[in-house]
C-alpha atoms as a PDB file:
ATOM      1  CA  MET A   1       0.000   0.000   0.000  1.00  0.00           C
ATOM      2  CA  ARG A   2       1.253   3.457  -0.845  1.00  0.00           C
ATOM      3  CA  GLY A   3       1.160   5.838   2.054  1.00  0.00           C
ATOM      4  CA  GLN A   4       2.618   8.876   3.677  1.00  0.00           C
ATOM      5  CA  LEU A   5       4.520   9.255   6.917  1.00  0.00           C
ATOM      6  CA  ARG A   6       3.861  12.657   8.485  1.00  0.00           C
ATOM      7  CA  ARG A   7       5.735  14.316  11.342  1.00  0.00           C
ATOM      8  CA  TYR A   8       4.410  17.534  12.844  1.00  0.00           C
ATOM      9  CA  LYS A   9       5.909  20.022  15.270  1.00  0.00           C
ATOM     10  CA  ILE A  10       3.063  21.256  17.443  1.00  0.00           C
ATOM     11  CA  LYS A  11       2.902  24.796  18.823  1.00  0.00           C
ATOM     12  CA  PRO A  12       3.646  24.889  22.561  1.00  0.00           C
ATOM     13  CA  GLY A  13       0.614  23.995  24.673  1.00  0.00           C
ATOM     14  CA  GLN A  14      -1.535  23.133  21.626  1.00  0.00           C
ATOM     15  CA  MET A  15      -1.271  19.309  21.472  1.00  0.00           C
ATOM     16  CA  GLU A  16      -4.743  18.559  22.866  1.00  0.00           C
ATOM     17  CA  GLN A  17      -6.399  21.107  20.572  1.00  0.00           C
ATOM     18  CA  PHE A  18      -4.483  19.733  17.585  1.00  0.00           C
ATOM     19  CA  ILE A  19      -5.453  16.126  18.326  1.00  0.00           C
ATOM     20  CA  SER A  20      -9.112  17.075  18.712  1.00  0.00           C
ATOM     21  CA  ALA A  21      -9.122  19.040  15.440  1.00  0.00           C
ATOM     22  CA  TRP A  22      -7.247  16.282  13.606  1.00  0.00           C
ATOM     23  CA  ARG A  23      -9.364  13.428  14.970  1.00  0.00           C
ATOM     24  CA  ASN A  24     -12.745  15.165  14.587  1.00  0.00           C
ATOM     25  CA  GLY A  25     -12.142  17.125  11.389  1.00  0.00           C
ATOM     26  CA  ALA A  26      -9.363  15.906   9.130  1.00  0.00           C
ATOM     27  CA  VAL A  27      -9.546  12.153   9.765  1.00  0.00           C
ATOM     28  CA  PRO A  28     -13.255  11.667   8.912  1.00  0.00           C
ATOM     29  CA  VAL A  29     -12.890  13.699   5.718  1.00  0.00           C
ATOM     30  CA  ARG A  30      -9.768  11.777   4.708  1.00  0.00           C
ATOM     31  CA  GLU A  31     -11.678   8.533   5.236  1.00  0.00           C
ATOM     32  CA  GLN A  32     -14.376   9.779   2.841  1.00  0.00           C
ATOM     33  CA  TYR A  33     -11.640  10.097   0.199  1.00  0.00           C
ATOM     34  CA  GLY A  34     -10.284   6.547   0.630  1.00  0.00           C
ATOM     35  CA  PHE A  35      -7.535   7.211   3.181  1.00  0.00           C
ATOM     36  CA  ALA A  36      -6.961   5.263   6.397  1.00  0.00           C
ATOM     37  CA  VAL A  37      -4.934   6.163   9.462  1.00  0.00           C
ATOM     38  CA  LEU A  38      -2.591   3.192   9.909  1.00  0.00           C
ATOM     39  CA  ALA A  39      -0.885   4.519  13.055  1.00  0.00           C
ATOM     40  CA  SER A  40      -0.538   7.736  15.040  1.00  0.00           C
ATOM     41  CA  TRP A  41       1.571   8.795  18.011  1.00  0.00           C
ATOM     42  CA  ARG A  42       2.731  11.739  20.055  1.00  0.00           C
ATOM     43  CA  LEU A  43       6.038  12.220  21.778  1.00  0.00           C
ATOM     44  CA  ASP A  44       6.063  12.472  25.561  1.00  0.00           C
ATOM     45  CA  ASP A  45       7.181  16.104  25.472  1.00  0.00           C
ATOM     46  CA  ASP A  46       4.006  17.056  23.506  1.00  0.00           C
ATOM     47  CA  ALA A  47       6.121  18.838  20.904  1.00  0.00           C
ATOM     48  CA  GLU A  48       5.741  16.309  18.076  1.00  0.00           C
ATOM     49  CA  PHE A  49       2.957  14.241  16.571  1.00  0.00           C
ATOM     50  CA  GLY A  50       3.339  11.610  13.883  1.00  0.00           C
ATOM     51  CA  TRP A  51       1.042   9.517  11.792  1.00  0.00           C
ATOM     52  CA  LEU A  52       1.026   7.081   8.918  1.00  0.00           C
ATOM     53  CA  VAL A  53      -1.792   7.474   6.413  1.00  0.00           C
ATOM     54  CA  GLY A  54      -2.502   4.883   3.725  1.00  0.00           C
ATOM     55  CA  TYR A  55      -4.625   5.039   0.610  1.00  0.00           C
ATOM     56  CA  GLN A  56      -6.707   2.169  -0.773  1.00  0.00           C
ATOM     57  CA  GLY A  57      -9.018   4.016  -3.116  1.00  0.00           C
ATOM     58  CA  ASP A  58      -9.002   4.243  -6.890  1.00  0.00           C
ATOM     59  CA  GLY A  59      -6.058   5.967  -8.522  1.00  0.00           C
ATOM     60  CA  GLU A  60      -2.839   7.292  -7.049  1.00  0.00           C
ATOM     61  CA  PHE A  61      -2.222   8.631  -3.550  1.00  0.00           C
ATOM     62  CA  GLU A  62      -1.073  12.000  -4.852  1.00  0.00           C
ATOM     63  CA  SER A  63      -4.203  12.543  -6.974  1.00  0.00           C
ATOM     64  CA  ALA A  64      -6.459  11.528  -4.105  1.00  0.00           C
ATOM     65  CA  GLU A  65      -4.652  13.889  -1.761  1.00  0.00           C
ATOM     66  CA  LYS A  66      -5.142  16.789  -4.170  1.00  0.00           C
ATOM     67  CA  ALA A  67      -8.850  15.940  -4.343  1.00  0.00           C
ATOM     68  CA  TYR A  68      -9.012  15.807  -0.533  1.00  0.00           C
ATOM     69  CA  TYR A  69      -7.324  19.187  -0.032  1.00  0.00           C
ATOM     70  CA  SER A  70      -9.483  20.881  -2.677  1.00  0.00           C
ATOM     71  CA  SER A  71     -12.742  19.295  -1.506  1.00  0.00           C
ATOM     72  CA  PRO A  72     -15.660  21.251  -0.067  1.00  0.00           C
ATOM     73  CA  GLU A  73     -15.630  18.897   2.928  1.00  0.00           C
ATOM     74  CA  ARG A  74     -12.015  19.848   3.742  1.00  0.00           C
ATOM     75  CA  ALA A  75     -12.804  23.534   3.261  1.00  0.00           C
ATOM     76  CA  ALA A  76     -15.719  23.177   5.695  1.00  0.00           C
ATOM     77  CA  ILE A  77     -13.496  22.047   8.580  1.00  0.00           C
ATOM     78  CA  THR A  78     -13.818  24.949  10.994  1.00  0.00           C
ATOM     79  CA  ASP A  79     -11.117  23.855  13.454  1.00  0.00           C
ATOM     80  CA  ASP A  80      -8.288  23.331  10.969  1.00  0.00           C
ATOM     81  CA  PRO A  81      -5.543  21.185  12.531  1.00  0.00           C
ATOM     82  CA  ALA A  82      -2.908  23.100  10.522  1.00  0.00           C
ATOM     83  CA  GLN A  83      -3.363  26.161  12.744  1.00  0.00           C
ATOM     84  CA  TYR A  84      -1.676  24.261  15.587  1.00  0.00           C
ATOM     85  CA  LEU A  85       1.472  23.376  13.620  1.00  0.00           C
ATOM     86  CA  ASP A  86       4.900  24.967  13.805  1.00  0.00           C
ATOM     87  CA  GLY A  87       6.220  22.733  11.045  1.00  0.00           C
ATOM     88  CA  ALA A  88       5.661  19.532   9.105  1.00  0.00           C
ATOM     89  CA  GLU A  89       7.652  16.905   7.257  1.00  0.00           C
ATOM     90  CA  THR A  90       6.227  14.218   4.975  1.00  0.00           C
ATOM     91  CA  TRP A  91       7.644  11.177   3.254  1.00  0.00           C
ATOM     92  CA  MET A  92       5.983   8.899   0.718  1.00  0.00           C
ATOM     93  CA  VAL A  93       6.325   5.237   1.730  1.00  0.00           C
ATOM     94  CA  ASN A  94       5.316   1.799   0.551  1.00  0.00           C
ATOM     95  CA  THR A  95       4.051  -0.356   3.410  1.00  0.00           C
ATOM     96  CA  LEU A  96       5.156  -3.989   3.534  1.00  0.00           C
END
């Protein structure tokens, strides 16, 4: 399965708000577009959050991600998880 490993730096004191926004806003919309959260974690110091997202829908991961980000459902998320980020890194991966 093609997927993406994502590592986020979270703004100080914002981890709980980020997780709530991510879990209640971004994840359900991603699932509508064929994505699945394969794993997620946070570091003990609450400064970093990571997750592995896979894609099992039709087409390529990259095309589906573009559709997700440009979707009306994504635009309708009022508590955007991105507002809690100080930085992000992503890597495309193939799960075994």
